[in-house]
């Protein structure tokens, strides 16, 4: 029997072909994908994969992270186990950190060595807190120089420190950092429902400061907060049209006991894959990095992130939760017929 083409399938195919032809989606077109996908998610994933292959071929990138400072954060992000405001941040045996755990520069280099020896490539050093102190910058820059000296061109360093000044951004560049990570998290419309201690514009300002200093930009979002598809589309368009990031990390809420979102309902795996696919169609040339919540939320569908349009994934452990064994991720990539690109 001939295959039946539904309106949803036609919408997805026509818009994907338009993207492949070099024309960007507008908001209405992106929203039509959000409306169409539940009728034929397999079509959406197929076309997102075609766009990924057209831009990236068989290459995927990997990123690992090291926590330079952990816990006791002053901010009130409702999803975050590192905030000092929640009674039970519930990491490290549910201890609430009054003072952050800080690594010295030599300890950061040692942790970086463990990560890079398992998988050379991009390494992010992440600090909790609204912004780095002068001492934080000193430690991080010393560590950056040490990692650069040891690994030469085999490591590409990224920093995630919160709000930056122009002087701090330039110091990071001088110490060998190539990229700055600072997520927008969600749409401007609902951001204040989840964070009240700083504003959306503060995040945008930090990203602009980092770019002006010569740093690449890594900025994405967190999904599963209770946002609508309108919020997801608005986040994607803000990233594409205003931030223009080099990398777009996509995190999926892993509800942590003791945080205000501990009872949040996890997103179904097929919806997560569809979010990735629609972001790929909105941002065809951006490096989509699947990060936090990948293992716990996608379960047996974890290997489908690349078929959904992802071009990168985080490897190893996350900040406050365990990730997947790096060897297993490398085997998965090989089994899919893909190959790891350093950057």
C-alpha atoms as a PDB file:
ATOM      1  CA  UNK A   1       0.000   0.000   0.000  1.00  0.00           C
ATOM      2  CA  UNK A   2       1.238   3.526  -0.728  1.00  0.00           C
ATOM      3  CA  UNK A   3       2.509   5.466   2.259  1.00  0.00           C
ATOM      4  CA  UNK A   4       0.051   8.034   3.565  1.00  0.00           C
ATOM      5  CA  UNK A   5       1.417  11.555   3.918  1.00  0.00           C
ATOM      6  CA  UNK A   6      -0.217  13.456   6.764  1.00  0.00           C
ATOM      7  CA  UNK A   7      -0.263  17.252   7.059  1.00  0.00           C
ATOM      8  CA  UNK A   8       2.208  17.019   9.959  1.00  0.00           C
ATOM      9  CA  UNK A   9       4.659  14.996   7.887  1.00  0.00           C
ATOM     10  CA  UNK A  10       4.386  17.485   5.035  1.00  0.00           C
ATOM     11  CA  UNK A  11       4.998  20.439   7.355  1.00  0.00           C
ATOM     12  CA  UNK A  12       8.103  18.835   8.848  1.00  0.00           C
ATOM     13  CA  UNK A  13       9.536  17.759   5.485  1.00  0.00           C
ATOM     14  CA  UNK A  14       8.893  21.094   3.789  1.00  0.00           C
ATOM     15  CA  UNK A  15      10.453  23.125   6.597  1.00  0.00           C
ATOM     16  CA  UNK A  16      13.447  20.818   6.876  1.00  0.00           C
ATOM     17  CA  UNK A  17      14.082  21.079   3.135  1.00  0.00           C
ATOM     18  CA  UNK A  18      13.894  24.842   3.469  1.00  0.00           C
ATOM     19  CA  UNK A  19      16.563  24.712   6.217  1.00  0.00           C
ATOM     20  CA  UNK A  20      18.735  22.435   4.092  1.00  0.00           C
ATOM     21  CA  UNK A  21      18.382  25.020   1.342  1.00  0.00           C
ATOM     22  CA  UNK A  22      19.888  27.680   3.600  1.00  0.00           C
ATOM     23  CA  UNK A  23      16.772  29.577   4.683  1.00  0.00           C
ATOM     24  CA  UNK A  24      16.279  30.072   8.448  1.00  0.00           C
ATOM     25  CA  UNK A  25      13.016  29.304  10.201  1.00  0.00           C
ATOM     26  CA  UNK A  26      10.968  32.154  11.618  1.00  0.00           C
ATOM     27  CA  UNK A  27       9.035  31.886  14.873  1.00  0.00           C
ATOM     28  CA  UNK A  28       5.749  30.798  13.279  1.00  0.00           C
ATOM     29  CA  UNK A  29       7.484  28.081  11.289  1.00  0.00           C
ATOM     30  CA  UNK A  30       9.315  26.838  14.371  1.00  0.00           C
ATOM     31  CA  UNK A  31       6.040  26.745  16.287  1.00  0.00           C
ATOM     32  CA  UNK A  32       4.459  24.726  13.508  1.00  0.00           C
ATOM     33  CA  UNK A  33       7.170  22.093  14.042  1.00  0.00           C
ATOM     34  CA  UNK A  34       6.354  22.065  17.754  1.00  0.00           C
ATOM     35  CA  UNK A  35       2.704  21.435  16.878  1.00  0.00           C
ATOM     36  CA  UNK A  36       3.444  18.794  14.234  1.00  0.00           C
ATOM     37  CA  UNK A  37       5.972  16.537  15.930  1.00  0.00           C
ATOM     38  CA  UNK A  38       3.623  14.520  18.210  1.00  0.00           C
ATOM     39  CA  UNK A  39       1.915  13.052  15.131  1.00  0.00           C
ATOM     40  CA  UNK A  40       5.161  11.812  13.580  1.00  0.00           C
ATOM     41  CA  UNK A  41       8.225  12.202  15.828  1.00  0.00           C
ATOM     42  CA  UNK A  42      10.171   9.765  13.686  1.00  0.00           C
ATOM     43  CA  UNK A  43       9.889  12.148  10.725  1.00  0.00           C
ATOM     44  CA  UNK A  44      11.182  15.053  12.798  1.00  0.00           C
ATOM     45  CA  UNK A  45      14.186  13.015  13.957  1.00  0.00           C
ATOM     46  CA  UNK A  46      14.898  11.845  10.417  1.00  0.00           C
ATOM     47  CA  UNK A  47      15.027  15.387   9.030  1.00  0.00           C
ATOM     48  CA  UNK A  48      17.013  16.752  11.977  1.00  0.00           C
ATOM     49  CA  UNK A  49      19.573  14.027  11.346  1.00  0.00           C
ATOM     50  CA  UNK A  50      19.754  14.995   7.675  1.00  0.00           C
ATOM     51  CA  UNK A  51      20.554  18.576   8.686  1.00  0.00           C
ATOM     52  CA  UNK A  52      23.176  17.401  11.193  1.00  0.00           C
ATOM     53  CA  UNK A  53      24.865  15.201   8.589  1.00  0.00           C
ATOM     54  CA  UNK A  54      24.829  18.007   6.031  1.00  0.00           C
ATOM     55  CA  UNK A  55      26.761  20.276   8.408  1.00  0.00           C
ATOM     56  CA  UNK A  56      28.858  17.926  10.549  1.00  0.00           C
ATOM     57  CA  UNK A  57      29.052  14.690   8.582  1.00  0.00           C
ATOM     58  CA  UNK A  58      30.115  11.770  10.780  1.00  0.00           C
ATOM     59  CA  UNK A  59      31.983  14.005  13.250  1.00  0.00           C
ATOM     60  CA  UNK A  60      30.850  14.483  16.841  1.00  0.00           C
ATOM     61  CA  UNK A  61      32.577  16.378  19.620  1.00  0.00           C
ATOM     62  CA  UNK A  62      32.970  15.559  23.300  1.00  0.00           C
ATOM     63  CA  UNK A  63      33.300  17.779  26.349  1.00  0.00           C
ATOM     64  CA  UNK A  64      34.241  16.991  29.944  1.00  0.00           C
ATOM     65  CA  UNK A  65      34.124  19.227  33.005  1.00  0.00           C
ATOM     66  CA  UNK A  66      36.035  19.814  36.228  1.00  0.00           C
ATOM     67  CA  UNK A  67      34.479  21.547  39.244  1.00  0.00           C
ATOM     68  CA  UNK A  68      36.884  24.234  40.436  1.00  0.00           C
ATOM     69  CA  UNK A  69      34.505  25.466  43.140  1.00  0.00           C
ATOM     70  CA  UNK A  70      31.466  23.526  44.316  1.00  0.00           C
ATOM     71  CA  UNK A  71      28.467  24.486  46.448  1.00  0.00           C
ATOM     72  CA  UNK A  72      27.464  27.388  48.717  1.00  0.00           C
ATOM     73  CA  UNK A  73      26.163  29.467  45.815  1.00  0.00           C
ATOM     74  CA  UNK A  74      24.427  32.730  46.719  1.00  0.00           C
ATOM     75  CA  UNK A  75      21.906  32.455  43.873  1.00  0.00           C
ATOM     76  CA  UNK A  76      18.406  30.985  44.085  1.00  0.00           C
ATOM     77  CA  UNK A  77      18.117  28.992  40.832  1.00  0.00           C
ATOM     78  CA  UNK A  78      15.284  26.640  41.752  1.00  0.00           C
ATOM     79  CA  UNK A  79      16.727  23.603  40.003  1.00  0.00           C
ATOM     80  CA  UNK A  80      20.241  23.790  41.420  1.00  0.00           C
ATOM     81  CA  UNK A  81      21.658  21.585  44.166  1.00  0.00           C
ATOM     82  CA  UNK A  82      24.524  24.026  44.687  1.00  0.00           C
ATOM     83  CA  UNK A  83      22.439  26.889  46.056  1.00  0.00           C
ATOM     84  CA  UNK A  84      23.074  27.630  49.746  1.00  0.00           C
ATOM     85  CA  UNK A  85      19.438  28.725  49.992  1.00  0.00           C
ATOM     86  CA  UNK A  86      17.993  25.226  49.886  1.00  0.00           C
ATOM     87  CA  UNK A  87      17.925  23.237  53.111  1.00  0.00           C
ATOM     88  CA  UNK A  88      19.140  20.019  51.538  1.00  0.00           C
ATOM     89  CA  UNK A  89      21.085  20.546  48.314  1.00  0.00           C
ATOM     90  CA  UNK A  90      21.352  16.752  48.309  1.00  0.00           C
ATOM     91  CA  UNK A  91      24.744  16.125  46.832  1.00  0.00           C
ATOM     92  CA  UNK A  92      27.818  14.693  48.520  1.00  0.00           C
ATOM     93  CA  UNK A  93      25.665  12.650  50.922  1.00  0.00           C
ATOM     94  CA  UNK A  94      23.070  15.437  51.172  1.00  0.00           C
ATOM     95  CA  UNK A  95      25.397  17.837  53.000  1.00  0.00           C
ATOM     96  CA  UNK A  96      24.452  21.500  52.632  1.00  0.00           C
ATOM     97  CA  UNK A  97      27.681  23.383  52.011  1.00  0.00           C
ATOM     98  CA  UNK A  98      27.954  26.567  54.034  1.00  0.00           C
ATOM     99  CA  UNK A  99      31.373  27.152  52.524  1.00  0.00           C
ATOM    100  CA  UNK A 100      32.207  26.091  48.973  1.00  0.00           C
ATOM    101  CA  UNK A 101      34.646  23.313  48.218  1.00  0.00           C
ATOM    102  CA  UNK A 102      37.534  24.974  46.383  1.00  0.00           C
ATOM    103  CA  UNK A 103      40.266  23.308  44.388  1.00  0.00           C
ATOM    104  CA  UNK A 104      43.715  24.846  44.100  1.00  0.00           C
ATOM    105  CA  UNK A 105      45.319  25.274  40.716  1.00  0.00           C
ATOM    106  CA  UNK A 106      47.395  22.095  41.034  1.00  0.00           C
ATOM    107  CA  UNK A 107      44.276  20.109  41.979  1.00  0.00           C
ATOM    108  CA  UNK A 108      42.440  21.482  38.955  1.00  0.00           C
ATOM    109  CA  UNK A 109      45.329  20.472  36.706  1.00  0.00           C
ATOM    110  CA  UNK A 110      45.258  16.981  38.231  1.00  0.00           C
ATOM    111  CA  UNK A 111      41.497  16.628  37.665  1.00  0.00           C
ATOM    112  CA  UNK A 112      41.902  17.975  34.142  1.00  0.00           C
ATOM    113  CA  UNK A 113      44.608  15.411  33.484  1.00  0.00           C
ATOM    114  CA  UNK A 114      42.246  12.585  34.480  1.00  0.00           C
ATOM    115  CA  UNK A 115      39.545  13.875  32.142  1.00  0.00           C
ATOM    116  CA  UNK A 116      41.805  14.622  29.169  1.00  0.00           C
ATOM    117  CA  UNK A 117      43.707  11.339  29.404  1.00  0.00           C
ATOM    118  CA  UNK A 118      40.351   9.528  29.061  1.00  0.00           C
ATOM    119  CA  UNK A 119      39.176  11.710  26.202  1.00  0.00           C
ATOM    120  CA  UNK A 120      41.258  14.557  24.752  1.00  0.00           C
ATOM    121  CA  UNK A 121      39.262  17.521  23.527  1.00  0.00           C
ATOM    122  CA  UNK A 122      37.276  20.311  25.136  1.00  0.00           C
ATOM    123  CA  UNK A 123      37.482  20.745  28.898  1.00  0.00           C
ATOM    124  CA  UNK A 124      35.311  23.091  30.944  1.00  0.00           C
ATOM    125  CA  UNK A 125      36.302  24.347  34.392  1.00  0.00           C
ATOM    126  CA  UNK A 126      33.168  25.271  36.341  1.00  0.00           C
ATOM    127  CA  UNK A 127      32.821  27.384  39.493  1.00  0.00           C
ATOM    128  CA  UNK A 128      29.691  27.852  41.568  1.00  0.00           C
ATOM    129  CA  UNK A 129      28.630  31.366  42.533  1.00  0.00           C
ATOM    130  CA  UNK A 130      27.315  34.563  40.998  1.00  0.00           C
ATOM    131  CA  UNK A 131      30.756  35.742  39.903  1.00  0.00           C
ATOM    132  CA  UNK A 132      34.416  34.894  40.463  1.00  0.00           C
ATOM    133  CA  UNK A 133      36.481  36.556  43.171  1.00  0.00           C
ATOM    134  CA  UNK A 134      39.995  37.866  42.431  1.00  0.00           C
ATOM    135  CA  UNK A 135      41.377  34.717  44.086  1.00  0.00           C
ATOM    136  CA  UNK A 136      39.156  32.528  41.878  1.00  0.00           C
ATOM    137  CA  UNK A 137      40.575  34.197  38.773  1.00  0.00           C
ATOM    138  CA  UNK A 138      44.156  33.783  40.009  1.00  0.00           C
ATOM    139  CA  UNK A 139      43.651  30.064  40.658  1.00  0.00           C
ATOM    140  CA  UNK A 140      41.885  29.459  37.375  1.00  0.00           C
ATOM    141  CA  UNK A 141      44.396  31.355  35.250  1.00  0.00           C
ATOM    142  CA  UNK A 142      47.295  29.520  36.869  1.00  0.00           C
ATOM    143  CA  UNK A 143      45.529  26.221  36.188  1.00  0.00           C
ATOM    144  CA  UNK A 144      44.819  27.231  32.584  1.00  0.00           C
ATOM    145  CA  UNK A 145      48.473  27.992  31.951  1.00  0.00           C
ATOM    146  CA  UNK A 146      49.469  24.668  33.515  1.00  0.00           C
ATOM    147  CA  UNK A 147      46.995  22.650  31.451  1.00  0.00           C
ATOM    148  CA  UNK A 148      48.034  24.453  28.286  1.00  0.00           C
ATOM    149  CA  UNK A 149      51.715  23.801  28.965  1.00  0.00           C
ATOM    150  CA  UNK A 150      51.078  20.092  29.548  1.00  0.00           C
ATOM    151  CA  UNK A 151      48.621  19.404  26.731  1.00  0.00           C
ATOM    152  CA  UNK A 152      49.707  21.919  24.097  1.00  0.00           C
ATOM    153  CA  UNK A 153      47.059  21.744  21.330  1.00  0.00           C
ATOM    154  CA  UNK A 154      45.332  18.624  22.678  1.00  0.00           C
ATOM    155  CA  UNK A 155      42.984  20.510  24.998  1.00  0.00           C
ATOM    156  CA  UNK A 156      40.643  23.405  24.342  1.00  0.00           C
ATOM    157  CA  UNK A 157      39.756  25.167  27.573  1.00  0.00           C
ATOM    158  CA  UNK A 158      36.393  26.626  28.531  1.00  0.00           C
ATOM    159  CA  UNK A 159      35.495  28.496  31.732  1.00  0.00           C
ATOM    160  CA  UNK A 160      32.110  28.732  33.451  1.00  0.00           C
ATOM    161  CA  UNK A 161      32.329  31.231  36.315  1.00  0.00           C
ATOM    162  CA  UNK A 162      29.132  33.270  36.263  1.00  0.00           C
ATOM    163  CA  UNK A 163      29.185  37.012  35.672  1.00  0.00           C
ATOM    164  CA  UNK A 164      32.438  38.461  34.296  1.00  0.00           C
ATOM    165  CA  UNK A 165      34.090  41.836  34.036  1.00  0.00           C
ATOM    166  CA  UNK A 166      35.962  42.811  30.875  1.00  0.00           C
ATOM    167  CA  UNK A 167      39.271  42.633  32.745  1.00  0.00           C
ATOM    168  CA  UNK A 168      38.547  39.106  33.985  1.00  0.00           C
ATOM    169  CA  UNK A 169      37.569  37.990  30.492  1.00  0.00           C
ATOM    170  CA  UNK A 170      40.839  39.282  29.052  1.00  0.00           C
ATOM    171  CA  UNK A 171      42.810  37.516  31.777  1.00  0.00           C
ATOM    172  CA  UNK A 172      41.134  34.229  30.844  1.00  0.00           C
ATOM    173  CA  UNK A 173      42.145  34.727  27.223  1.00  0.00           C
ATOM    174  CA  UNK A 174      45.743  35.432  28.258  1.00  0.00           C
ATOM    175  CA  UNK A 175      45.750  32.230  30.337  1.00  0.00           C
ATOM    176  CA  UNK A 176      44.778  30.132  27.330  1.00  0.00           C
ATOM    177  CA  UNK A 177      41.007  29.849  27.647  1.00  0.00           C
ATOM    178  CA  UNK A 178      39.202  29.743  24.309  1.00  0.00           C
ATOM    179  CA  UNK A 179      35.532  29.634  25.275  1.00  0.00           C
ATOM    180  CA  UNK A 180      33.156  30.936  27.940  1.00  0.00           C
ATOM    181  CA  UNK A 181      30.061  29.075  29.104  1.00  0.00           C
ATOM    182  CA  UNK A 182      27.044  30.900  30.517  1.00  0.00           C
ATOM    183  CA  UNK A 183      23.544  29.528  29.910  1.00  0.00           C
ATOM    184  CA  UNK A 184      20.423  31.606  29.377  1.00  0.00           C
ATOM    185  CA  UNK A 185      18.532  28.555  30.754  1.00  0.00           C
ATOM    186  CA  UNK A 186      15.039  29.389  29.476  1.00  0.00           C
ATOM    187  CA  UNK A 187      12.990  32.129  27.852  1.00  0.00           C
ATOM    188  CA  UNK A 188      13.110  35.706  29.035  1.00  0.00           C
ATOM    189  CA  UNK A 189       9.356  35.484  29.750  1.00  0.00           C
ATOM    190  CA  UNK A 190       9.621  32.901  32.538  1.00  0.00           C
ATOM    191  CA  UNK A 191      13.222  33.301  33.736  1.00  0.00           C
ATOM    192  CA  UNK A 192      12.207  35.270  36.842  1.00  0.00           C
ATOM    193  CA  UNK A 193       9.915  32.429  37.928  1.00  0.00           C
ATOM    194  CA  UNK A 194      13.011  30.314  38.566  1.00  0.00           C
ATOM    195  CA  UNK A 195      15.727  32.869  39.383  1.00  0.00           C
ATOM    196  CA  UNK A 196      15.195  36.109  41.327  1.00  0.00           C
ATOM    197  CA  UNK A 197      18.716  36.982  42.491  1.00  0.00           C
ATOM    198  CA  UNK A 198      19.895  38.174  39.076  1.00  0.00           C
ATOM    199  CA  UNK A 199      18.276  39.112  35.794  1.00  0.00           C
ATOM    200  CA  UNK A 200      18.154  37.706  32.270  1.00  0.00           C
ATOM    201  CA  UNK A 201      19.887  40.836  31.023  1.00  0.00           C
ATOM    202  CA  UNK A 202      22.799  40.136  33.394  1.00  0.00           C
ATOM    203  CA  UNK A 203      23.415  36.867  31.579  1.00  0.00           C
ATOM    204  CA  UNK A 204      23.231  38.509  28.180  1.00  0.00           C
ATOM    205  CA  UNK A 205      25.668  41.197  29.315  1.00  0.00           C
ATOM    206  CA  UNK A 206      28.203  38.599  30.493  1.00  0.00           C
ATOM    207  CA  UNK A 207      28.030  36.790  27.158  1.00  0.00           C
ATOM    208  CA  UNK A 208      28.694  40.050  25.315  1.00  0.00           C
ATOM    209  CA  UNK A 209      31.666  40.838  27.569  1.00  0.00           C
ATOM    210  CA  UNK A 210      33.130  37.400  26.901  1.00  0.00           C
ATOM    211  CA  UNK A 211      32.696  37.725  23.143  1.00  0.00           C
ATOM    212  CA  UNK A 212      34.296  41.166  23.050  1.00  0.00           C
ATOM    213  CA  UNK A 213      37.324  39.735  24.855  1.00  0.00           C
ATOM    214  CA  UNK A 214      37.769  37.206  22.059  1.00  0.00           C
ATOM    215  CA  UNK A 215      36.235  34.166  23.750  1.00  0.00           C
ATOM    216  CA  UNK A 216      33.957  31.785  21.898  1.00  0.00           C
ATOM    217  CA  UNK A 217      30.491  31.532  23.427  1.00  0.00           C
ATOM    218  CA  UNK A 218      28.828  28.443  24.875  1.00  0.00           C
ATOM    219  CA  UNK A 219      25.237  29.154  25.903  1.00  0.00           C
ATOM    220  CA  UNK A 220      22.112  27.048  25.994  1.00  0.00           C
ATOM    221  CA  UNK A 221      19.328  26.045  28.305  1.00  0.00           C
ATOM    222  CA  UNK A 222      17.628  23.716  30.755  1.00  0.00           C
ATOM    223  CA  UNK A 223      14.441  21.927  29.769  1.00  0.00           C
ATOM    224  CA  UNK A 224      11.803  20.315  31.981  1.00  0.00           C
ATOM    225  CA  UNK A 225      11.193  23.315  34.241  1.00  0.00           C
ATOM    226  CA  UNK A 226       7.536  23.366  33.215  1.00  0.00           C
ATOM    227  CA  UNK A 227       8.182  25.650  30.235  1.00  0.00           C
ATOM    228  CA  UNK A 228       5.939  25.654  27.181  1.00  0.00           C
ATOM    229  CA  UNK A 229       6.976  25.076  23.583  1.00  0.00           C
ATOM    230  CA  UNK A 230       6.703  28.836  23.120  1.00  0.00           C
ATOM    231  CA  UNK A 231       9.384  29.280  25.779  1.00  0.00           C
ATOM    232  CA  UNK A 232      11.621  26.701  24.111  1.00  0.00           C
ATOM    233  CA  UNK A 233      11.261  28.330  20.706  1.00  0.00           C
ATOM    234  CA  UNK A 234      11.877  31.806  22.138  1.00  0.00           C
ATOM    235  CA  UNK A 235      15.050  30.551  23.846  1.00  0.00           C
ATOM    236  CA  UNK A 236      16.292  29.033  20.578  1.00  0.00           C
ATOM    237  CA  UNK A 237      15.601  32.229  18.647  1.00  0.00           C
ATOM    238  CA  UNK A 238      17.255  34.436  21.284  1.00  0.00           C
ATOM    239  CA  UNK A 239      20.323  32.240  21.122  1.00  0.00           C
ATOM    240  CA  UNK A 240      20.385  32.174  17.328  1.00  0.00           C
ATOM    241  CA  UNK A 241      19.609  35.814  16.635  1.00  0.00           C
ATOM    242  CA  UNK A 242      21.090  37.639  19.613  1.00  0.00           C
ATOM    243  CA  UNK A 243      23.739  35.519  21.333  1.00  0.00           C
ATOM    244  CA  UNK A 244      25.042  33.610  18.265  1.00  0.00           C
ATOM    245  CA  UNK A 245      26.789  30.932  20.354  1.00  0.00           C
ATOM    246  CA  UNK A 246      29.476  28.605  19.047  1.00  0.00           C
ATOM    247  CA  UNK A 247      28.154  25.828  21.277  1.00  0.00           C
ATOM    248  CA  UNK A 248      24.647  25.249  22.648  1.00  0.00           C
ATOM    249  CA  UNK A 249      24.495  22.978  25.714  1.00  0.00           C
ATOM    250  CA  UNK A 250      21.108  21.343  26.206  1.00  0.00           C
ATOM    251  CA  UNK A 251      20.346  20.128  29.729  1.00  0.00           C
ATOM    252  CA  UNK A 252      17.282  18.209  30.880  1.00  0.00           C
ATOM    253  CA  UNK A 253      16.099  18.576  34.449  1.00  0.00           C
ATOM    254  CA  UNK A 254      17.152  15.865  36.855  1.00  0.00           C
ATOM    255  CA  UNK A 255      15.012  16.779  39.891  1.00  0.00           C
ATOM    256  CA  UNK A 256      17.169  16.898  43.018  1.00  0.00           C
ATOM    257  CA  UNK A 257      15.641  16.271  46.476  1.00  0.00           C
ATOM    258  CA  UNK A 258      15.705  19.393  48.609  1.00  0.00           C
ATOM    259  CA  UNK A 259      15.401  21.843  45.711  1.00  0.00           C
ATOM    260  CA  UNK A 260      12.129  23.642  44.873  1.00  0.00           C
ATOM    261  CA  UNK A 261      11.807  21.562  41.684  1.00  0.00           C
ATOM    262  CA  UNK A 262      12.261  18.220  43.412  1.00  0.00           C
ATOM    263  CA  UNK A 263       8.732  17.154  42.413  1.00  0.00           C
ATOM    264  CA  UNK A 264       9.003  18.224  38.783  1.00  0.00           C
ATOM    265  CA  UNK A 265       7.816  15.610  36.297  1.00  0.00           C
ATOM    266  CA  UNK A 266      10.677  14.396  34.080  1.00  0.00           C
ATOM    267  CA  UNK A 267      10.242  14.911  30.359  1.00  0.00           C
ATOM    268  CA  UNK A 268       9.470  11.785  28.290  1.00  0.00           C
ATOM    269  CA  UNK A 269      12.476  10.630  26.244  1.00  0.00           C
ATOM    270  CA  UNK A 270      10.713  11.156  22.907  1.00  0.00           C
ATOM    271  CA  UNK A 271       9.923  14.757  23.850  1.00  0.00           C
ATOM    272  CA  UNK A 272      13.564  15.357  24.773  1.00  0.00           C
ATOM    273  CA  UNK A 273      14.653  14.020  21.391  1.00  0.00           C
ATOM    274  CA  UNK A 274      12.097  16.263  19.686  1.00  0.00           C
ATOM    275  CA  UNK A 275      13.420  19.325  21.532  1.00  0.00           C
ATOM    276  CA  UNK A 276      16.912  18.496  20.271  1.00  0.00           C
ATOM    277  CA  UNK A 277      15.577  18.000  16.741  1.00  0.00           C
ATOM    278  CA  UNK A 278      13.698  21.302  16.634  1.00  0.00           C
ATOM    279  CA  UNK A 279      16.745  23.162  17.996  1.00  0.00           C
ATOM    280  CA  UNK A 280      18.767  21.571  15.207  1.00  0.00           C
ATOM    281  CA  UNK A 281      16.321  22.841  12.588  1.00  0.00           C
ATOM    282  CA  UNK A 282      16.299  26.318  14.128  1.00  0.00           C
ATOM    283  CA  UNK A 283      20.106  26.419  14.479  1.00  0.00           C
ATOM    284  CA  UNK A 284      21.417  24.140  11.722  1.00  0.00           C
ATOM    285  CA  UNK A 285      25.089  25.117  12.021  1.00  0.00           C
ATOM    286  CA  UNK A 286      25.344  25.345  15.835  1.00  0.00           C
ATOM    287  CA  UNK A 287      27.141  22.694  17.853  1.00  0.00           C
ATOM    288  CA  UNK A 288      24.355  21.173  19.980  1.00  0.00           C
ATOM    289  CA  UNK A 289      25.867  19.643  23.120  1.00  0.00           C
ATOM    290  CA  UNK A 290      23.709  17.245  25.143  1.00  0.00           C
ATOM    291  CA  UNK A 291      24.737  17.579  28.768  1.00  0.00           C
ATOM    292  CA  UNK A 292      23.038  17.316  32.176  1.00  0.00           C
ATOM    293  CA  UNK A 293      20.171  14.857  32.604  1.00  0.00           C
ATOM    294  CA  UNK A 294      21.051  12.866  29.499  1.00  0.00           C
ATOM    295  CA  UNK A 295      21.529   9.495  31.200  1.00  0.00           C
ATOM    296  CA  UNK A 296      18.732   9.595  33.759  1.00  0.00           C
ATOM    297  CA  UNK A 297      16.085  11.039  31.415  1.00  0.00           C
ATOM    298  CA  UNK A 298      16.777   9.306  28.110  1.00  0.00           C
ATOM    299  CA  UNK A 299      17.469   5.867  29.570  1.00  0.00           C
ATOM    300  CA  UNK A 300      17.577   3.306  26.705  1.00  0.00           C
ATOM    301  CA  UNK A 301      17.155   6.036  24.068  1.00  0.00           C
ATOM    302  CA  UNK A 302      20.410   7.781  24.960  1.00  0.00           C
ATOM    303  CA  UNK A 303      22.188   6.767  21.755  1.00  0.00           C
ATOM    304  CA  UNK A 304      19.486   8.512  19.702  1.00  0.00           C
ATOM    305  CA  UNK A 305      20.692  12.018  20.555  1.00  0.00           C
ATOM    306  CA  UNK A 306      22.805  12.113  17.406  1.00  0.00           C
ATOM    307  CA  UNK A 307      19.979  10.823  15.229  1.00  0.00           C
ATOM    308  CA  UNK A 308      17.912  13.658  16.719  1.00  0.00           C
ATOM    309  CA  UNK A 309      20.443  16.230  15.543  1.00  0.00           C
ATOM    310  CA  UNK A 310      22.959  16.571  18.371  1.00  0.00           C
ATOM    311  CA  UNK A 311      26.582  17.047  17.364  1.00  0.00           C
ATOM    312  CA  UNK A 312      28.247  16.871  20.808  1.00  0.00           C
ATOM    313  CA  UNK A 313      27.745  15.355  24.217  1.00  0.00           C
ATOM    314  CA  UNK A 314      29.215  15.772  27.657  1.00  0.00           C
ATOM    315  CA  UNK A 315      31.283  12.823  28.752  1.00  0.00           C
ATOM    316  CA  UNK A 316      32.081  11.697  32.292  1.00  0.00           C
ATOM    317  CA  UNK A 317      30.484  12.988  35.489  1.00  0.00           C
ATOM    318  CA  UNK A 318      28.477  16.184  35.906  1.00  0.00           C
ATOM    319  CA  UNK A 319      28.818  18.673  38.754  1.00  0.00           C
ATOM    320  CA  UNK A 320      26.518  17.130  41.369  1.00  0.00           C
ATOM    321  CA  UNK A 321      25.349  13.915  39.722  1.00  0.00           C
ATOM    322  CA  UNK A 322      27.116  10.947  38.164  1.00  0.00           C
ATOM    323  CA  UNK A 323      27.353  10.694  34.414  1.00  0.00           C
ATOM    324  CA  UNK A 324      28.137   7.702  32.229  1.00  0.00           C
ATOM    325  CA  UNK A 325      31.400   5.842  31.982  1.00  0.00           C
ATOM    326  CA  UNK A 326      33.508   7.546  29.315  1.00  0.00           C
ATOM    327  CA  UNK A 327      34.437   4.200  27.755  1.00  0.00           C
ATOM    328  CA  UNK A 328      30.753   3.388  27.254  1.00  0.00           C
ATOM    329  CA  UNK A 329      30.121   6.698  25.483  1.00  0.00           C
ATOM    330  CA  UNK A 330      33.126   6.204  23.227  1.00  0.00           C
ATOM    331  CA  UNK A 331      31.906   2.703  22.391  1.00  0.00           C
ATOM    332  CA  UNK A 332      28.413   4.052  21.644  1.00  0.00           C
ATOM    333  CA  UNK A 333      29.839   6.598  19.221  1.00  0.00           C
ATOM    334  CA  UNK A 334      31.893   3.941  17.474  1.00  0.00           C
ATOM    335  CA  UNK A 335      28.897   1.595  17.291  1.00  0.00           C
ATOM    336  CA  UNK A 336      26.883   4.343  15.592  1.00  0.00           C
ATOM    337  CA  UNK A 337      29.515   4.683  12.883  1.00  0.00           C
ATOM    338  CA  UNK A 338      30.450   8.171  14.058  1.00  0.00           C
ATOM    339  CA  UNK A 339      33.901   9.524  14.787  1.00  0.00           C
ATOM    340  CA  UNK A 340      35.168  11.858  17.483  1.00  0.00           C
ATOM    341  CA  UNK A 341      36.515  15.211  16.395  1.00  0.00           C
ATOM    342  CA  UNK A 342      38.820  16.978  18.857  1.00  0.00           C
ATOM    343  CA  UNK A 343      37.045  20.312  18.631  1.00  0.00           C
END
